[in-house]
Amino acid sequence: MNARGLEQAAHTAAYVRDAFSPLRVWSSDLMRCTATAAPLGLPVETSKTLREVNYGSWEGKRFDDLPEPEQKLALERLAWDPEFRAPGGEKFGNLVRRGSRFMADSKVMDEEGDVVIVGHGGAMRGLLVALLGLPPRAIGRFHFDNGSVSIVRVDDGLATLTALNLTGHLNSAGPTR
């Protein structure tokens, strides 16, 4: 993670500590997420289910670097088709299944108090779709900026989205992109 990402993580952690009383922190087991979670100052539990989708042959490439037919395919199907996968990659609908598995394994829906979950954009979209009980095709209908905060309240096993992609706390860290 670069200096900009570390600055965003520090601002996000300060916001979360001020606005909530986190009791537990979950993170993808990959370094970018664990480094984002570290400034919270709590032990970080990790889960492979919070990893980003496997983009296959697209891993490490910018969208503009993809061949034009693959760009067209991505633009046509990426936002709504849970069966879509990059060549050699993972189906996007698997992110929703991983979100459900994370909820079952972590028992996050049974927690009494605030839980912080740090993950990659695709994994967070899959988790949100699973938490809200939405159809898998809804996975492309959400966006998360780096360092953003979204809030889901759970009452009696029912999840309610109360805020999505909050980034105001990052203003002093400069633009999010």
Protein backbone atom coordinates (compact mmCIF):
# COMPACT_ATOMS: atom_id res chain seq x y z
CA MET A 1 0.00 0.00 0.00
CA ASN A 2 1.33 3.44 -0.89
CA ALA A 3 1.55 6.55 1.31
CA ARG A 4 -1.81 7.81 0.02
CA GLY A 5 -3.52 4.57 1.05
CA LEU A 6 -1.92 4.67 4.49
CA GLU A 7 -3.15 8.27 4.93
CA GLN A 8 -6.68 7.24 3.90
CA ALA A 9 -6.55 4.31 6.34
CA ALA A 10 -5.55 6.63 9.18
CA HIS A 11 -8.40 9.06 8.40
CA THR A 12 -10.90 6.22 8.09
CA ALA A 13 -9.77 4.67 11.37
CA ALA A 14 -10.08 8.02 13.18
CA TYR A 15 -13.59 8.48 11.80
CA VAL A 16 -14.66 4.97 12.78
CA ARG A 17 -13.22 5.30 16.30
CA ASP A 18 -15.00 8.67 16.76
CA ALA A 19 -18.36 7.60 15.32
CA PHE A 20 -18.60 4.02 16.62
CA SER A 21 -17.42 1.71 19.38
CA PRO A 22 -15.93 -1.19 17.44
CA LEU A 23 -15.68 -4.43 19.37
CA ARG A 24 -14.33 -6.60 16.57
CA VAL A 25 -12.49 -6.05 13.32
CA TRP A 26 -12.60 -8.44 10.39
CA SER A 27 -10.45 -8.04 7.29
CA SER A 28 -9.45 -9.74 4.08
CA ASP A 29 -6.24 -11.61 4.79
CA LEU A 30 -4.40 -9.64 2.09
CA MET A 31 -1.94 -6.95 3.15
CA ARG A 32 -3.75 -3.92 1.72
CA CYS A 33 -6.80 -4.65 3.87
CA THR A 34 -4.94 -5.66 7.02
CA ALA A 35 -2.87 -2.46 6.71
CA THR A 36 -6.13 -0.50 6.37
CA ALA A 37 -7.56 -2.19 9.47
CA ALA A 38 -4.42 -1.81 11.63
CA PRO A 39 -4.89 1.88 12.61
CA LEU A 40 -8.11 0.94 14.37
CA GLY A 41 -5.89 -0.35 17.16
CA LEU A 42 -7.84 -3.58 17.71
CA PRO A 43 -6.92 -7.18 16.97
CA VAL A 44 -7.75 -7.97 13.34
CA GLU A 45 -9.38 -11.27 12.48
CA THR A 46 -8.85 -12.27 8.86
CA SER A 47 -10.89 -14.21 6.35
CA LYS A 48 -10.05 -15.33 2.81
CA THR A 49 -13.74 -14.95 1.96
CA LEU A 50 -13.26 -11.15 2.02
CA ARG A 51 -10.68 -11.24 -0.80
CA GLU A 52 -11.36 -9.51 -4.11
CA VAL A 53 -12.73 -11.53 -7.00
CA ASN A 54 -10.11 -13.42 -8.98
CA TYR A 55 -9.86 -11.53 -12.27
CA GLY A 56 -7.95 -14.31 -14.04
CA SER A 57 -5.98 -12.98 -17.02
CA TRP A 58 -7.13 -9.44 -16.15
CA GLU A 59 -5.26 -9.43 -12.80
CA GLY A 60 -2.95 -6.44 -12.50
CA LYS A 61 -4.24 -4.78 -15.68
CA ARG A 62 -6.03 -1.48 -16.10
CA PHE A 63 -9.34 -1.54 -17.95
CA ASP A 64 -7.81 0.48 -20.82
CA ASP A 65 -5.11 -2.20 -21.25
CA LEU A 66 -7.65 -4.94 -22.01
CA PRO A 67 -8.31 -5.89 -25.64
CA GLU A 68 -11.32 -4.01 -27.02
CA PRO A 69 -13.58 -7.11 -27.22
CA GLU A 70 -12.94 -7.82 -23.53
CA GLN A 71 -13.64 -4.19 -22.62
CA LYS A 72 -16.94 -4.40 -24.49
CA LEU A 73 -17.85 -7.66 -22.75
CA ALA A 74 -17.03 -6.20 -19.35
CA LEU A 75 -19.09 -3.07 -19.98
CA GLU A 76 -22.07 -5.11 -21.15
CA ARG A 77 -22.12 -7.68 -18.34
CA LEU A 78 -19.90 -6.74 -15.41
CA ALA A 79 -22.46 -4.56 -13.60
CA TRP A 80 -25.32 -7.04 -13.53
CA ASP A 81 -24.40 -10.59 -14.52
CA PRO A 82 -23.40 -12.80 -11.55
CA GLU A 83 -22.33 -15.48 -14.07
CA PHE A 84 -19.76 -13.10 -15.61
CA ARG A 85 -16.11 -13.91 -15.16
CA ALA A 86 -12.95 -12.49 -16.62
CA PRO A 87 -11.09 -15.03 -18.75
CA GLY A 88 -9.71 -17.63 -16.35
CA GLY A 89 -11.26 -15.81 -13.38
CA GLU A 90 -13.97 -16.27 -10.79
CA LYS A 91 -17.69 -15.71 -11.36
CA PHE A 92 -18.85 -12.46 -9.79
CA GLY A 93 -21.80 -14.29 -8.22
CA ASN A 94 -19.28 -16.23 -6.16
CA LEU A 95 -18.69 -13.01 -4.20
CA VAL A 96 -22.28 -13.23 -2.92
CA ARG A 97 -21.75 -16.88 -1.93
CA ARG A 98 -18.52 -15.88 -0.17
CA GLY A 99 -20.42 -13.07 1.60
CA SER A 100 -22.96 -15.60 2.88
CA ARG A 101 -20.18 -17.93 3.95
CA PHE A 102 -18.43 -15.09 5.78
CA MET A 103 -21.64 -14.27 7.66
CA ALA A 104 -22.07 -17.92 8.67
CA ASP A 105 -18.42 -18.50 9.63
CA SER A 106 -17.92 -15.22 11.50
CA LYS A 107 -21.39 -15.13 13.09
CA VAL A 108 -21.28 -11.38 12.43
CA MET A 109 -25.10 -11.21 12.34
CA ASP A 110 -25.19 -12.36 15.98
CA GLU A 111 -22.77 -9.72 17.29
CA GLU A 112 -23.92 -7.36 20.01
CA GLY A 113 -22.19 -4.09 19.15
CA ASP A 114 -20.18 -2.53 16.37
CA VAL A 115 -18.14 -4.71 14.01
CA VAL A 116 -15.79 -3.31 11.38
CA ILE A 117 -15.30 -5.28 8.16
CA VAL A 118 -12.47 -4.27 5.85
CA GLY A 119 -12.40 -5.76 2.38
CA HIS A 120 -11.96 -5.15 -1.31
CA GLY A 121 -14.68 -3.45 -3.37
CA GLY A 122 -16.03 -6.55 -5.10
CA ALA A 123 -16.02 -8.60 -1.93
CA MET A 124 -17.80 -5.81 -0.06
CA ARG A 125 -20.43 -5.64 -2.80
CA GLY A 126 -20.96 -9.40 -2.53
CA LEU A 127 -21.18 -9.19 1.26
CA LEU A 128 -23.67 -6.32 1.08
CA VAL A 129 -25.88 -8.22 -1.38
CA ALA A 130 -25.78 -11.26 0.95
CA LEU A 131 -26.43 -9.17 4.09
CA LEU A 132 -29.43 -7.45 2.52
CA GLY A 133 -30.80 -10.63 0.96
CA LEU A 134 -30.77 -9.13 -2.52
CA PRO A 135 -30.63 -11.16 -5.74
CA PRO A 136 -27.06 -11.86 -6.92
CA ARG A 137 -27.56 -9.61 -9.98
CA ALA A 138 -27.60 -6.62 -7.57
CA ILE A 139 -23.84 -7.01 -7.06
CA GLY A 140 -23.06 -4.42 -9.72
CA ARG A 141 -25.39 -1.82 -8.24
CA PHE A 142 -23.06 -0.68 -5.45
CA HIS A 143 -19.77 1.19 -5.47
CA PHE A 144 -17.18 1.58 -2.72
CA ASP A 145 -14.37 4.14 -2.87
CA ASN A 146 -11.07 3.34 -1.16
CA GLY A 147 -11.30 4.28 2.50
CA SER A 148 -15.07 4.72 2.39
CA VAL A 149 -17.39 3.71 5.21
CA SER A 150 -20.75 2.04 4.78
CA ILE A 151 -23.09 1.24 7.65
CA VAL A 152 -25.37 -1.75 7.99
CA ARG A 153 -27.52 -2.03 11.11
CA VAL A 154 -28.61 -5.51 12.20
CA ASP A 155 -31.68 -5.92 14.41
CA ASP A 156 -33.14 -9.35 15.15
CA GLY A 157 -31.20 -10.87 12.25
CA LEU A 158 -32.46 -8.30 9.73
CA ALA A 159 -29.85 -6.11 8.03
CA THR A 160 -30.65 -2.53 6.99
CA LEU A 161 -28.29 -0.36 4.94
CA THR A 162 -28.18 3.03 6.66
CA ALA A 163 -25.23 4.64 4.80
CA LEU A 164 -23.26 3.78 1.68
CA ASN A 165 -19.79 4.87 0.59
CA LEU A 166 -19.25 7.73 3.06
CA THR A 167 -16.04 9.60 2.17
CA GLY A 168 -16.29 13.00 3.92
CA HIS A 169 -13.70 11.90 6.48
CA LEU A 170 -11.17 11.63 3.64
CA ASN A 171 -11.42 15.33 2.65
CA SER A 172 -8.26 16.26 4.53
CA ALA A 173 -6.50 13.33 2.84
CA GLY A 174 -7.17 14.81 -0.61
CA PRO A 175 -9.11 13.28 -3.51
CA THR A 176 -10.12 9.62 -3.25
CA ARG A 177 -8.86 8.79 -6.74
